[in-house]
Amino acid sequence: MGVRATIVMDEDIVKKIRVIQAKRISAEQKSVSFSEVVNDLLRKEFK
């Protein structure tokens, strides 16, 4: 389990993350959490 962190995001960023989440849910046919999408995006950015 990861570290719990509270952050404030602009609404436009949240909407973009939700779009990515919806696409992954459709593609993978399983539940994908908002946190999972955020973590994946951060991992890609920090590589």
N, C-alpha and C. Protein backbone atom coordinates (compact mmCIF):
# COMPACT_ATOMS: atom_id res chain seq x y z
N MET A 1 0.83 -1.18 0.00
CA MET A 1 0.00 0.00 0.00
C MET A 1 0.87 1.24 0.00
N GLY A 2 0.42 2.25 -0.68
CA GLY A 2 1.19 3.47 -0.81
C GLY A 2 0.95 4.45 0.32
N VAL A 3 1.52 5.61 0.17
CA VAL A 3 1.38 6.69 1.13
C VAL A 3 0.17 7.53 0.75
N ARG A 4 -0.65 7.83 1.70
CA ARG A 4 -1.84 8.67 1.45
C ARG A 4 -1.38 10.13 1.42
N ALA A 5 -1.77 10.84 0.36
CA ALA A 5 -1.43 12.25 0.23
C ALA A 5 -2.65 13.01 -0.26
N THR A 6 -2.82 14.21 0.25
CA THR A 6 -3.91 15.06 -0.19
C THR A 6 -3.33 16.17 -1.04
N ILE A 7 -3.87 16.31 -2.25
CA ILE A 7 -3.43 17.38 -3.14
C ILE A 7 -4.65 18.09 -3.71
N VAL A 8 -4.44 19.31 -4.15
CA VAL A 8 -5.51 20.07 -4.79
C VAL A 8 -5.15 20.18 -6.27
N MET A 9 -6.09 19.75 -7.13
CA MET A 9 -5.86 19.79 -8.58
C MET A 9 -6.86 20.71 -9.23
N ASP A 10 -6.43 21.35 -10.30
CA ASP A 10 -7.35 22.15 -11.10
C ASP A 10 -8.37 21.24 -11.76
N GLU A 11 -9.58 21.76 -11.93
CA GLU A 11 -10.68 20.97 -12.46
C GLU A 11 -10.37 20.41 -13.86
N ASP A 12 -9.66 21.19 -14.68
CA ASP A 12 -9.36 20.70 -16.04
C ASP A 12 -8.44 19.49 -16.00
N ILE A 13 -7.54 19.43 -15.04
CA ILE A 13 -6.65 18.27 -14.89
C ILE A 13 -7.45 17.05 -14.45
N VAL A 14 -8.36 17.25 -13.50
CA VAL A 14 -9.19 16.15 -13.03
C VAL A 14 -10.01 15.58 -14.17
N LYS A 15 -10.57 16.44 -15.01
CA LYS A 15 -11.37 15.98 -16.15
C LYS A 15 -10.52 15.14 -17.10
N LYS A 16 -9.29 15.57 -17.36
CA LYS A 16 -8.41 14.81 -18.25
C LYS A 16 -8.07 13.45 -17.66
N ILE A 17 -7.83 13.41 -16.37
CA ILE A 17 -7.53 12.14 -15.71
C ILE A 17 -8.76 11.22 -15.76
N ARG A 18 -9.94 11.78 -15.56
CA ARG A 18 -11.17 10.98 -15.63
C ARG A 18 -11.40 10.40 -17.02
N VAL A 19 -11.04 11.15 -18.07
CA VAL A 19 -11.15 10.64 -19.43
C VAL A 19 -10.21 9.45 -19.62
N ILE A 20 -8.99 9.59 -19.16
CA ILE A 20 -8.02 8.49 -19.25
C ILE A 20 -8.55 7.28 -18.47
N GLN A 21 -9.09 7.52 -17.29
CA GLN A 21 -9.63 6.44 -16.46
C GLN A 21 -10.76 5.72 -17.20
N ALA A 22 -11.67 6.47 -17.80
CA ALA A 22 -12.80 5.86 -18.51
C ALA A 22 -12.32 5.02 -19.69
N LYS A 23 -11.32 5.51 -20.41
CA LYS A 23 -10.77 4.75 -21.54
C LYS A 23 -10.14 3.45 -21.07
N ARG A 24 -9.43 3.50 -19.95
CA ARG A 24 -8.80 2.28 -19.42
C ARG A 24 -9.85 1.29 -18.93
N ILE A 25 -10.90 1.78 -18.31
CA ILE A 25 -11.97 0.89 -17.85
C ILE A 25 -12.61 0.19 -19.04
N SER A 26 -12.85 0.93 -20.11
CA SER A 26 -13.44 0.34 -21.32
C SER A 26 -12.50 -0.67 -21.96
N ALA A 27 -11.24 -0.33 -22.04
CA ALA A 27 -10.26 -1.19 -22.71
C ALA A 27 -9.97 -2.46 -21.91
N GLU A 28 -9.88 -2.32 -20.60
CA GLU A 28 -9.48 -3.44 -19.76
C GLU A 28 -10.67 -4.23 -19.20
N GLN A 29 -11.88 -3.67 -19.33
CA GLN A 29 -13.09 -4.33 -18.82
C GLN A 29 -12.97 -4.69 -17.35
N LYS A 30 -12.37 -3.78 -16.58
CA LYS A 30 -12.26 -3.97 -15.13
C LYS A 30 -12.20 -2.60 -14.47
N SER A 31 -12.34 -2.60 -13.18
CA SER A 31 -12.29 -1.37 -12.41
C SER A 31 -10.88 -0.79 -12.42
N VAL A 32 -10.78 0.51 -12.62
CA VAL A 32 -9.49 1.21 -12.57
C VAL A 32 -9.71 2.45 -11.70
N SER A 33 -9.00 2.53 -10.60
CA SER A 33 -9.21 3.64 -9.68
C SER A 33 -8.55 4.93 -10.18
N PHE A 34 -9.08 6.04 -9.70
CA PHE A 34 -8.50 7.35 -10.02
C PHE A 34 -7.04 7.39 -9.55
N SER A 35 -6.78 6.87 -8.36
CA SER A 35 -5.41 6.85 -7.82
C SER A 35 -4.47 6.04 -8.69
N GLU A 36 -4.95 4.93 -9.22
CA GLU A 36 -4.12 4.09 -10.09
C GLU A 36 -3.71 4.86 -11.34
N VAL A 37 -4.65 5.60 -11.91
CA VAL A 37 -4.35 6.39 -13.11
C VAL A 37 -3.35 7.49 -12.78
N VAL A 38 -3.55 8.17 -11.67
CA VAL A 38 -2.62 9.24 -11.27
C VAL A 38 -1.23 8.67 -11.04
N ASN A 39 -1.14 7.54 -10.33
CA ASN A 39 0.16 6.92 -10.09
C ASN A 39 0.85 6.53 -11.39
N ASP A 40 0.11 5.95 -12.33
CA ASP A 40 0.69 5.57 -13.62
C ASP A 40 1.20 6.78 -14.39
N LEU A 41 0.44 7.86 -14.37
CA LEU A 41 0.87 9.08 -15.06
C LEU A 41 2.13 9.66 -14.42
N LEU A 42 2.19 9.65 -13.10
CA LEU A 42 3.38 10.16 -12.41
C LEU A 42 4.60 9.28 -12.69
N ARG A 43 4.40 7.96 -12.69
CA ARG A 43 5.52 7.06 -12.99
C ARG A 43 6.09 7.34 -14.38
N LYS A 44 5.22 7.52 -15.36
CA LYS A 44 5.67 7.81 -16.73
C LYS A 44 6.44 9.12 -16.77
N GLU A 45 5.98 10.11 -16.05
CA GLU A 45 6.63 11.43 -16.05
C GLU A 45 8.01 11.38 -15.40
N PHE A 46 8.16 10.60 -14.37
CA PHE A 46 9.42 10.57 -13.60
C PHE A 46 10.45 9.57 -14.12
N LYS A 47 10.14 8.87 -15.20
CA LYS A 47 11.12 7.93 -15.78
C LYS A 47 12.18 8.66 -16.54
